[in-house]
Amino acid sequence: MVATGVRSKCVTLLIDGPDDADPWGREALYSGDEKVGRLTSGGYAVAFGKSIGMGYVRPDRAAPGTKLKVRMQGSLWEAQVVEDSPHDPTNARIRVDG
């Protein structure tokens, strides 16, 4: 096992996906045309107003700020690796009067 090294790392991604769907898990993650990982779960993040997902990617694509794409509904959607457990510490998004 040590000889093979680390093959994937767990990451959290914020996704600029379609307005009518969120990821559920098993969606492919791409860097350019190359498949580099897969989501394991996902949903809607009220605090950020967009989809959020967790998954595994190659270690060279796991740094916060890395831009990837998620395949959902037959299209590729922009995604960005973020810090683990992103949050809105002041609850500024949730307290906005709508």
PDB file of N, CA and C in Angstrom:
ATOM      1  N   MET A   1       0.816  -1.192   0.000  1.00  0.00           N
ATOM      2  CA  MET A   1       0.000   0.000   0.000  1.00  0.00           C
ATOM      3  C   MET A   1       0.863   1.260   0.000  1.00  0.00           C
ATOM      4  N   VAL A   2       1.940   1.279   0.738  1.00  0.00           N
ATOM      5  CA  VAL A   2       2.810   2.444   0.794  1.00  0.00           C
ATOM      6  C   VAL A   2       3.428   2.712  -0.568  1.00  0.00           C
ATOM      7  N   ALA A   3       3.732   1.679  -1.334  1.00  0.00           N
ATOM      8  CA  ALA A   3       4.364   1.843  -2.642  1.00  0.00           C
ATOM      9  C   ALA A   3       3.457   2.571  -3.634  1.00  0.00           C
ATOM     10  N   THR A   4       2.160   2.431  -3.500  1.00  0.00           N
ATOM     11  CA  THR A   4       1.252   3.081  -4.452  1.00  0.00           C
ATOM     12  C   THR A   4       1.021   4.546  -4.123  1.00  0.00           C
ATOM     13  N   GLY A   5       1.245   4.960  -2.895  1.00  0.00           N
ATOM     14  CA  GLY A   5       1.046   6.353  -2.512  1.00  0.00           C
ATOM     15  C   GLY A   5      -0.417   6.716  -2.390  1.00  0.00           C
ATOM     16  N   VAL A   6      -0.671   8.013  -2.222  1.00  0.00           N
ATOM     17  CA  VAL A   6      -2.038   8.515  -2.095  1.00  0.00           C
ATOM     18  C   VAL A   6      -2.615   8.675  -3.497  1.00  0.00           C
ATOM     19  N   ARG A   7      -3.720   7.995  -3.772  1.00  0.00           N
ATOM     20  CA  ARG A   7      -4.320   8.058  -5.102  1.00  0.00           C
ATOM     21  C   ARG A   7      -5.430   9.093  -5.210  1.00  0.00           C
ATOM     22  N   SER A   8      -6.079   9.429  -4.098  1.00  0.00           N
ATOM     23  CA  SER A   8      -7.141  10.433  -4.140  1.00  0.00           C
ATOM     24  C   SER A   8      -7.276  11.110  -2.791  1.00  0.00           C
ATOM     25  N   LYS A   9      -7.839  12.316  -2.829  1.00  0.00           N
ATOM     26  CA  LYS A   9      -8.066  13.088  -1.609  1.00  0.00           C
ATOM     27  C   LYS A   9      -9.511  13.550  -1.590  1.00  0.00           C
ATOM     28  N   CYS A  10     -10.069  13.625  -0.397  1.00  0.00           N
ATOM     29  CA  CYS A  10     -11.435  14.095  -0.210  1.00  0.00           C
ATOM     30  C   CYS A  10     -11.451  15.622  -0.272  1.00  0.00           C
ATOM     31  N   VAL A  11     -12.382  16.166  -1.059  1.00  0.00           N
ATOM     32  CA  VAL A  11     -12.494  17.616  -1.195  1.00  0.00           C
ATOM     33  C   VAL A  11     -13.958  18.049  -1.095  1.00  0.00           C
ATOM     34  N   THR A  12     -14.150  19.316  -0.791  1.00  0.00           N
ATOM     35  CA  THR A  12     -15.464  19.953  -0.822  1.00  0.00           C
ATOM     36  C   THR A  12     -15.452  20.936  -1.979  1.00  0.00           C
ATOM     37  N   LEU A  13     -16.538  20.967  -2.752  1.00  0.00           N
ATOM     38  CA  LEU A  13     -16.621  21.859  -3.905  1.00  0.00           C
ATOM     39  C   LEU A  13     -17.898  22.682  -3.864  1.00  0.00           C
ATOM     40  N   LEU A  14     -17.801  23.949  -4.237  1.00  0.00           N
ATOM     41  CA  LEU A  14     -18.979  24.778  -4.496  1.00  0.00           C
ATOM     42  C   LEU A  14     -19.197  24.735  -5.998  1.00  0.00           C
ATOM     43  N   ILE A  15     -20.447  24.504  -6.415  1.00  0.00           N
ATOM     44  CA  ILE A  15     -20.759  24.220  -7.810  1.00  0.00           C
ATOM     45  C   ILE A  15     -21.732  25.258  -8.358  1.00  0.00           C
ATOM     46  N   ASP A  16     -21.380  25.837  -9.493  1.00  0.00           N
ATOM     47  CA  ASP A  16     -22.284  26.741 -10.206  1.00  0.00           C
ATOM     48  C   ASP A  16     -23.080  25.893 -11.187  1.00  0.00           C
ATOM     49  N   GLY A  17     -24.023  25.128 -10.661  1.00  0.00           N
ATOM     50  CA  GLY A  17     -24.788  24.186 -11.463  1.00  0.00           C
ATOM     51  C   GLY A  17     -26.109  24.741 -11.935  1.00  0.00           C
ATOM     52  N   PRO A  18     -26.929  23.877 -12.495  1.00  0.00           N
ATOM     53  CA  PRO A  18     -28.235  24.316 -12.993  1.00  0.00           C
ATOM     54  C   PRO A  18     -29.138  24.780 -11.854  1.00  0.00           C
ATOM     55  N   ASP A  19     -30.079  25.671 -12.173  1.00  0.00           N
ATOM     56  CA  ASP A  19     -30.990  26.197 -11.155  1.00  0.00           C
ATOM     57  C   ASP A  19     -31.989  25.154 -10.662  1.00  0.00           C
ATOM     58  N   ASP A  20     -32.240  24.142 -11.461  1.00  0.00           N
ATOM     59  CA  ASP A  20     -33.296  23.186 -11.132  1.00  0.00           C
ATOM     60  C   ASP A  20     -32.799  21.824 -10.663  1.00  0.00           C
ATOM     61  N   ALA A  21     -31.509  21.702 -10.360  1.00  0.00           N
ATOM     62  CA  ALA A  21     -30.986  20.405  -9.910  1.00  0.00           C
ATOM     63  C   ALA A  21     -29.728  20.600  -9.071  1.00  0.00           C
ATOM     64  N   ASP A  22     -29.506  19.678  -8.163  1.00  0.00           N
ATOM     65  CA  ASP A  22     -28.299  19.649  -7.341  1.00  0.00           C
ATOM     66  C   ASP A  22     -27.667  18.270  -7.461  1.00  0.00           C
ATOM     67  N   PRO A  23     -26.374  18.145  -7.188  1.00  0.00           N
ATOM     68  CA  PRO A  23     -25.738  16.836  -7.271  1.00  0.00           C
ATOM     69  C   PRO A  23     -26.214  15.920  -6.148  1.00  0.00           C
ATOM     70  N   TRP A  24     -26.257  14.639  -6.429  1.00  0.00           N
ATOM     71  CA  TRP A  24     -26.636  13.639  -5.426  1.00  0.00           C
ATOM     72  C   TRP A  24     -25.445  12.778  -5.020  1.00  0.00           C
ATOM     73  N   GLY A  25     -24.463  12.695  -5.887  1.00  0.00           N
ATOM     74  CA  GLY A  25     -23.316  11.826  -5.683  1.00  0.00           C
ATOM     75  C   GLY A  25     -23.096  10.989  -6.934  1.00  0.00           C
ATOM     76  N   ARG A  26     -21.871  10.565  -7.153  1.00  0.00           N
ATOM     77  CA  ARG A  26     -21.443   9.766  -8.307  1.00  0.00           C
ATOM     78  C   ARG A  26     -21.243  10.591  -9.580  1.00  0.00           C
ATOM     79  N   GLU A  27     -21.427  11.915  -9.519  1.00  0.00           N
ATOM     80  CA  GLU A  27     -21.165  12.745 -10.692  1.00  0.00           C
ATOM     81  C   GLU A  27     -19.650  12.828 -10.925  1.00  0.00           C
ATOM     82  N   ALA A  28     -19.257  12.777 -12.195  1.00  0.00           N
ATOM     83  CA  ALA A  28     -17.838  12.822 -12.563  1.00  0.00           C
ATOM     84  C   ALA A  28     -17.293  14.239 -12.424  1.00  0.00           C
ATOM     85  N   LEU A  29     -16.030  14.336 -12.033  1.00  0.00           N
ATOM     86  CA  LEU A  29     -15.311  15.613 -11.912  1.00  0.00           C
ATOM     87  C   LEU A  29     -14.220  15.661 -12.975  1.00  0.00           C
ATOM     88  N   TYR A  30     -14.120  16.791 -13.660  1.00  0.00           N
ATOM     89  CA  TYR A  30     -13.162  16.941 -14.749  1.00  0.00           C
ATOM     90  C   TYR A  30     -12.258  18.143 -14.538  1.00  0.00           C
ATOM     91  N   SER A  31     -11.038  18.008 -15.043  1.00  0.00           N
ATOM     92  CA  SER A  31     -10.098  19.112 -15.182  1.00  0.00           C
ATOM     93  C   SER A  31      -9.796  19.166 -16.670  1.00  0.00           C
ATOM     94  N   GLY A  32     -10.346  20.153 -17.358  1.00  0.00           N
ATOM     95  CA  GLY A  32     -10.270  20.152 -18.826  1.00  0.00           C
ATOM     96  C   GLY A  32     -11.085  18.977 -19.347  1.00  0.00           C
ATOM     97  N   ASP A  33     -10.497  18.177 -20.211  1.00  0.00           N
ATOM     98  CA  ASP A  33     -11.170  16.995 -20.756  1.00  0.00           C
ATOM     99  C   ASP A  33     -10.873  15.726 -19.972  1.00  0.00           C
ATOM    100  N   GLU A  34     -10.068  15.841 -18.927  1.00  0.00           N
ATOM    101  CA  GLU A  34      -9.616  14.669 -18.178  1.00  0.00           C
ATOM    102  C   GLU A  34     -10.461  14.447 -16.922  1.00  0.00           C
ATOM    103  N   LYS A  35     -10.961  13.232 -16.768  1.00  0.00           N
ATOM    104  CA  LYS A  35     -11.701  12.878 -15.553  1.00  0.00           C
ATOM    105  C   LYS A  35     -10.700  12.706 -14.418  1.00  0.00           C
ATOM    106  N   VAL A  36     -10.908  13.470 -13.318  1.00  0.00           N
ATOM    107  CA  VAL A  36      -9.954  13.453 -12.214  1.00  0.00           C
ATOM    108  C   VAL A  36     -10.570  13.009 -10.895  1.00  0.00           C
ATOM    109  N   GLY A  37     -11.880  12.698 -10.892  1.00  0.00           N
ATOM    110  CA  GLY A  37     -12.500  12.264  -9.650  1.00  0.00           C
ATOM    111  C   GLY A  37     -13.995  12.091  -9.797  1.00  0.00           C
ATOM    112  N   ARG A  38     -14.650  11.959  -8.633  1.00  0.00           N
ATOM    113  CA  ARG A  38     -16.093  11.719  -8.606  1.00  0.00           C
ATOM    114  C   ARG A  38     -16.656  12.242  -7.298  1.00  0.00           C
ATOM    115  N   LEU A  39     -17.857  12.832  -7.372  1.00  0.00           N
ATOM    116  CA  LEU A  39     -18.555  13.252  -6.154  1.00  0.00           C
ATOM    117  C   LEU A  39     -19.098  12.024  -5.431  1.00  0.00           C
ATOM    118  N   THR A  40     -19.171  12.118  -4.117  1.00  0.00           N
ATOM    119  CA  THR A  40     -19.790  11.054  -3.314  1.00  0.00           C
ATOM    120  C   THR A  40     -21.125  11.507  -2.741  1.00  0.00           C
ATOM    121  N   SER A  41     -21.320  12.826  -2.646  1.00  0.00           N
ATOM    122  CA  SER A  41     -22.578  13.365  -2.123  1.00  0.00           C
ATOM    123  C   SER A  41     -22.693  14.823  -2.537  1.00  0.00           C
ATOM    124  N   GLY A  42     -23.891  15.355  -2.415  1.00  0.00           N
ATOM    125  CA  GLY A  42     -24.088  16.745  -2.779  1.00  0.00           C
ATOM    126  C   GLY A  42     -25.470  17.216  -2.384  1.00  0.00           C
ATOM    127  N   GLY A  43     -25.705  18.495  -2.559  1.00  0.00           N
ATOM    128  CA  GLY A  43     -26.985  19.090  -2.225  1.00  0.00           C
ATOM    129  C   GLY A  43     -26.914  20.593  -2.423  1.00  0.00           C
ATOM    130  N   TYR A  44     -27.889  21.304  -1.871  1.00  0.00           N
ATOM    131  CA  TYR A  44     -27.946  22.753  -1.988  1.00  0.00           C
ATOM    132  C   TYR A  44     -27.450  23.384  -0.705  1.00  0.00           C
ATOM    133  N   ALA A  45     -26.556  24.371  -0.809  1.00  0.00           N
ATOM    134  CA  ALA A  45     -26.020  25.083   0.349  1.00  0.00           C
ATOM    135  C   ALA A  45     -26.709  26.439   0.447  1.00  0.00           C
ATOM    136  N   VAL A  46     -27.668  26.561   1.362  1.00  0.00           N
ATOM    137  CA  VAL A  46     -28.421  27.798   1.532  1.00  0.00           C
ATOM    138  C   VAL A  46     -27.484  28.966   1.834  1.00  0.00           C
ATOM    139  N   ALA A  47     -26.490  28.739   2.664  1.00  0.00           N
ATOM    140  CA  ALA A  47     -25.578  29.811   3.054  1.00  0.00           C
ATOM    141  C   ALA A  47     -24.789  30.378   1.883  1.00  0.00           C
ATOM    142  N   PHE A  48     -24.626  29.601   0.817  1.00  0.00           N
ATOM    143  CA  PHE A  48     -23.845  30.066  -0.331  1.00  0.00           C
ATOM    144  C   PHE A  48     -24.695  30.296  -1.570  1.00  0.00           C
ATOM    145  N   GLY A  49     -25.953  29.891  -1.545  1.00  0.00           N
ATOM    146  CA  GLY A  49     -26.838  30.096  -2.680  1.00  0.00           C
ATOM    147  C   GLY A  49     -26.468  29.290  -3.899  1.00  0.00           C
ATOM    148  N   LYS A  50     -25.842  28.145  -3.694  1.00  0.00           N
ATOM    149  CA  LYS A  50     -25.447  27.278  -4.804  1.00  0.00           C
ATOM    150  C   LYS A  50     -25.283  25.847  -4.328  1.00  0.00           C
ATOM    151  N   SER A  51     -25.011  24.963  -5.254  1.00  0.00           N
ATOM    152  CA  SER A  51     -24.808  23.555  -4.912  1.00  0.00           C
ATOM    153  C   SER A  51     -23.458  23.357  -4.243  1.00  0.00           C
ATOM    154  N   ILE A  52     -23.402  22.337  -3.410  1.00  0.00           N
ATOM    155  CA  ILE A  52     -22.165  21.957  -2.740  1.00  0.00           C
ATOM    156  C   ILE A  52     -22.016  20.450  -2.885  1.00  0.00           C
ATOM    157  N   GLY A  53     -20.801  19.980  -2.986  1.00  0.00           N
ATOM    158  CA  GLY A  53     -20.571  18.549  -3.106  1.00  0.00           C
ATOM    159  C   GLY A  53     -19.291  18.140  -2.408  1.00  0.00           C
ATOM    160  N   MET A  54     -19.220  16.866  -2.067  1.00  0.00           N
ATOM    161  CA  MET A  54     -17.997  16.276  -1.529  1.00  0.00           C
ATOM    162  C   MET A  54     -17.636  15.114  -2.430  1.00  0.00           C
ATOM    163  N   GLY A  55     -16.349  14.914  -2.609  1.00  0.00           N
ATOM    164  CA  GLY A  55     -15.918  13.820  -3.457  1.00  0.00           C
ATOM    165  C   GLY A  55     -14.427  13.587  -3.337  1.00  0.00           C
ATOM    166  N   TYR A  56     -13.930  12.757  -4.233  1.00  0.00           N
ATOM    167  CA  TYR A  56     -12.515  12.406  -4.239  1.00  0.00           C
ATOM    168  C   TYR A  56     -11.910  12.776  -5.586  1.00  0.00           C
ATOM    169  N   VAL A  57     -10.734  13.402  -5.529  1.00  0.00           N
ATOM    170  CA  VAL A  57     -10.001  13.787  -6.732  1.00  0.00           C
ATOM    171  C   VAL A  57      -8.543  13.389  -6.576  1.00  0.00           C
ATOM    172  N   ARG A  58      -7.831  13.429  -7.700  1.00  0.00           N
ATOM    173  CA  ARG A  58      -6.384  13.181  -7.641  1.00  0.00           C
ATOM    174  C   ARG A  58      -5.746  14.229  -6.733  1.00  0.00           C
ATOM    175  N   PRO A  59      -4.706  13.869  -6.009  1.00  0.00           N
ATOM    176  CA  PRO A  59      -4.071  14.819  -5.082  1.00  0.00           C
ATOM    177  C   PRO A  59      -3.623  16.131  -5.729  1.00  0.00           C
ATOM    178  N   ASP A  60      -3.225  16.103  -6.995  1.00  0.00           N
ATOM    179  CA  ASP A  60      -2.768  17.334  -7.653  1.00  0.00           C
ATOM    180  C   ASP A  60      -3.919  18.269  -8.015  1.00  0.00           C
ATOM    181  N   ARG A  61      -5.159  17.849  -7.780  1.00  0.00           N
ATOM    182  CA  ARG A  61      -6.338  18.687  -8.045  1.00  0.00           C
ATOM    183  C   ARG A  61      -7.118  18.991  -6.763  1.00  0.00           C
ATOM    184  N   ALA A  62      -6.508  18.774  -5.602  1.00  0.00           N
ATOM    185  CA  ALA A  62      -7.218  18.876  -4.325  1.00  0.00           C
ATOM    186  C   ALA A  62      -7.013  20.190  -3.572  1.00  0.00           C
ATOM    187  N   ALA A  63      -6.183  21.077  -4.065  1.00  0.00           N
ATOM    188  CA  ALA A  63      -5.898  22.322  -3.343  1.00  0.00           C
ATOM    189  C   ALA A  63      -7.087  23.291  -3.429  1.00  0.00           C
ATOM    190  N   PRO A  64      -7.427  23.965  -2.309  1.00  0.00           N
ATOM    191  CA  PRO A  64      -8.480  24.985  -2.364  1.00  0.00           C
ATOM    192  C   PRO A  64      -8.189  26.006  -3.454  1.00  0.00           C
ATOM    193  N   GLY A  65      -9.226  26.366  -4.189  1.00  0.00           N
ATOM    194  CA  GLY A  65      -9.085  27.306  -5.293  1.00  0.00           C
ATOM    195  C   GLY A  65      -8.994  26.629  -6.652  1.00  0.00           C
ATOM    196  N   THR A  66      -8.745  25.321  -6.669  1.00  0.00           N
ATOM    197  CA  THR A  66      -8.649  24.585  -7.933  1.00  0.00           C
ATOM    198  C   THR A  66     -10.002  24.595  -8.643  1.00  0.00           C
ATOM    199  N   LYS A  67      -9.995  24.948  -9.912  1.00  0.00           N
ATOM    200  CA  LYS A  67     -11.214  24.977 -10.720  1.00  0.00           C
ATOM    201  C   LYS A  67     -11.395  23.625 -11.402  1.00  0.00           C
ATOM    202  N   LEU A  68     -12.580  23.060 -11.264  1.00  0.00           N
ATOM    203  CA  LEU A  68     -12.936  21.795 -11.897  1.00  0.00           C
ATOM    204  C   LEU A  68     -14.291  21.962 -12.570  1.00  0.00           C
ATOM    205  N   LYS A  69     -14.768  20.894 -13.188  1.00  0.00           N
ATOM    206  CA  LYS A  69     -16.117  20.873 -13.764  1.00  0.00           C
ATOM    207  C   LYS A  69     -16.821  19.608 -13.296  1.00  0.00           C
ATOM    208  N   VAL A  70     -18.136  19.711 -13.100  1.00  0.00           N
ATOM    209  CA  VAL A  70     -18.961  18.591 -12.655  1.00  0.00           C
ATOM    210  C   VAL A  70     -19.949  18.256 -13.766  1.00  0.00           C
ATOM    211  N   ARG A  71     -20.048  16.972 -14.112  1.00  0.00           N
ATOM    212  CA  ARG A  71     -21.028  16.558 -15.121  1.00  0.00           C
ATOM    213  C   ARG A  71     -22.369  16.317 -14.443  1.00  0.00           C
ATOM    214  N   MET A  72     -23.351  17.166 -14.801  1.00  0.00           N
ATOM    215  CA  MET A  72     -24.719  17.054 -14.285  1.00  0.00           C
ATOM    216  C   MET A  72     -25.676  17.300 -15.437  1.00  0.00           C
ATOM    217  N   GLN A  73     -26.685  16.497 -15.543  1.00  0.00           N
ATOM    218  CA  GLN A  73     -27.716  16.654 -16.575  1.00  0.00           C
ATOM    219  C   GLN A  73     -27.113  16.732 -17.979  1.00  0.00           C
ATOM    220  N   GLY A  74     -26.067  15.965 -18.215  1.00  0.00           N
ATOM    221  CA  GLY A  74     -25.458  15.897 -19.540  1.00  0.00           C
ATOM    222  C   GLY A  74     -24.567  17.067 -19.911  1.00  0.00           C
ATOM    223  N   SER A  75     -24.336  17.992 -18.993  1.00  0.00           N
ATOM    224  CA  SER A  75     -23.481  19.156 -19.258  1.00  0.00           C
ATOM    225  C   SER A  75     -22.407  19.271 -18.184  1.00  0.00           C
ATOM    226  N   LEU A  76     -21.366  20.032 -18.488  1.00  0.00           N
ATOM    227  CA  LEU A  76     -20.316  20.299 -17.515  1.00  0.00           C
ATOM    228  C   LEU A  76     -20.570  21.658 -16.874  1.00  0.00           C
ATOM    229  N   TRP A  77     -20.502  21.698 -15.546  1.00  0.00           N
ATOM    230  CA  TRP A  77     -20.762  22.912 -14.770  1.00  0.00           C
ATOM    231  C   TRP A  77     -19.523  23.273 -13.963  1.00  0.00           C
ATOM    232  N   GLU A  78     -19.271  24.574 -13.844  1.00  0.00           N
ATOM    233  CA  GLU A  78     -18.106  25.066 -13.103  1.00  0.00           C
ATOM    234  C   GLU A  78     -18.186  24.693 -11.632  1.00  0.00           C
ATOM    235  N   ALA A  79     -17.036  24.340 -11.065  1.00  0.00           N
ATOM    236  CA  ALA A  79     -16.934  24.021  -9.639  1.00  0.00           C
ATOM    237  C   ALA A  79     -15.567  24.474  -9.143  1.00  0.00           C
ATOM    238  N   GLN A  80     -15.493  24.736  -7.852  1.00  0.00           N
ATOM    239  CA  GLN A  80     -14.216  25.148  -7.259  1.00  0.00           C
ATOM    240  C   GLN A  80     -14.017  24.413  -5.943  1.00  0.00           C
ATOM    241  N   VAL A  81     -12.817  23.868  -5.769  1.00  0.00           N
ATOM    242  CA  VAL A  81     -12.454  23.233  -4.505  1.00  0.00           C
ATOM    243  C   VAL A  81     -12.349  24.323  -3.449  1.00  0.00           C
ATOM    244  N   VAL A  82     -12.984  24.091  -2.295  1.00  0.00           N
ATOM    245  CA  VAL A  82     -12.959  25.059  -1.200  1.00  0.00           C
ATOM    246  C   VAL A  82     -12.417  24.384   0.051  1.00  0.00           C
ATOM    247  N   GLU A  83     -12.207  25.179   1.075  1.00  0.00           N
ATOM    248  CA  GLU A  83     -11.745  24.634   2.346  1.00  0.00           C
ATOM    249  C   GLU A  83     -12.768  23.627   2.866  1.00  0.00           C
ATOM    250  N   ASP A  84     -12.299  22.677   3.649  1.00  0.00           N
ATOM    251  CA  ASP A  84     -13.222  21.715   4.246  1.00  0.00           C
ATOM    252  C   ASP A  84     -14.225  22.441   5.119  1.00  0.00           C
ATOM    253  N   SER A  85     -15.465  21.998   5.081  1.00  0.00           N
ATOM    254  CA  SER A  85     -16.554  22.560   5.881  1.00  0.00           C
ATOM    255  C   SER A  85     -16.640  24.071   5.751  1.00  0.00           C
ATOM    256  N   PRO A  86     -16.850  24.580   4.528  1.00  0.00           N
ATOM    257  CA  PRO A  86     -16.980  26.040   4.390  1.00  0.00           C
ATOM    258  C   PRO A  86     -18.211  26.507   5.167  1.00  0.00           C
ATOM    259  N   HIS A  87     -18.138  27.698   5.672  1.00  0.00           N
ATOM    260  CA  HIS A  87     -19.267  28.200   6.449  1.00  0.00           C
ATOM    261  C   HIS A  87     -19.338  29.723   6.353  1.00  0.00           C
ATOM    262  N   ASP A  88     -20.410  30.258   6.822  1.00  0.00           N
ATOM    263  CA  ASP A  88     -20.658  31.698   6.865  1.00  0.00           C
ATOM    264  C   ASP A  88     -20.671  32.074   8.350  1.00  0.00           C
ATOM    265  N   PRO A  89     -19.495  32.346   8.940  1.00  0.00           N
ATOM    266  CA  PRO A  89     -19.406  32.500  10.394  1.00  0.00           C
ATOM    267  C   PRO A  89     -20.281  33.590  10.986  1.00  0.00           C
ATOM    268  N   THR A  90     -20.604  34.619  10.213  1.00  0.00           N
ATOM    269  CA  THR A  90     -21.445  35.700  10.741  1.00  0.00           C
ATOM    270  C   THR A  90     -22.911  35.517  10.364  1.00  0.00           C
ATOM    271  N   ASN A  91     -23.242  34.447   9.630  1.00  0.00           N
ATOM    272  CA  ASN A  91     -24.589  34.186   9.142  1.00  0.00           C
ATOM    273  C   ASN A  91     -25.114  35.331   8.292  1.00  0.00           C
ATOM    274  N   ALA A  92     -24.225  36.044   7.622  1.00  0.00           N
ATOM    275  CA  ALA A  92     -24.614  37.197   6.806  1.00  0.00           C
ATOM    276  C   ALA A  92     -25.552  36.798   5.677  1.00  0.00           C
ATOM    277  N   ARG A  93     -25.309  35.668   5.009  1.00  0.00           N
ATOM    278  CA  ARG A  93     -26.184  35.261   3.896  1.00  0.00           C
ATOM    279  C   ARG A  93     -27.567  34.867   4.370  1.00  0.00           C
ATOM    280  N   ILE A  94     -27.628  34.210   5.489  1.00  0.00           N
ATOM    281  CA  ILE A  94     -28.925  33.681   5.960  1.00  0.00           C
ATOM    282  C   ILE A  94     -29.780  34.792   6.573  1.00  0.00           C
ATOM    283  N   ARG A  95     -29.159  35.884   7.014  1.00  0.00           N
ATOM    284  CA  ARG A  95     -29.903  36.966   7.679  1.00  0.00           C
ATOM    285  C   ARG A  95     -30.337  38.072   6.715  1.00  0.00           C
ATOM    286  N   VAL A  96     -30.070  37.921   5.450  1.00  0.00           N
ATOM    287  CA  VAL A  96     -30.471  38.927   4.464  1.00  0.00           C
ATOM    288  C   VAL A  96     -31.977  38.925   4.349  1.00  0.00           C
ATOM    289  N   ASP A  97     -32.564  40.092   4.462  1.00  0.00           N
ATOM    290  CA  ASP A  97     -34.033  40.196   4.293  1.00  0.00           C
ATOM    291  C   ASP A  97     -34.331  40.046   2.807  1.00  0.00           C
ATOM    292  N   GLY A  98     -35.234  39.126   2.478  1.00  0.00           N
ATOM    293  CA  GLY A  98     -35.514  38.843   1.069  1.00  0.00           C
ATOM    294  C   GLY A  98     -36.771  39.422   0.651  1.00  0.00           C
TER     295      GLY A  98
END
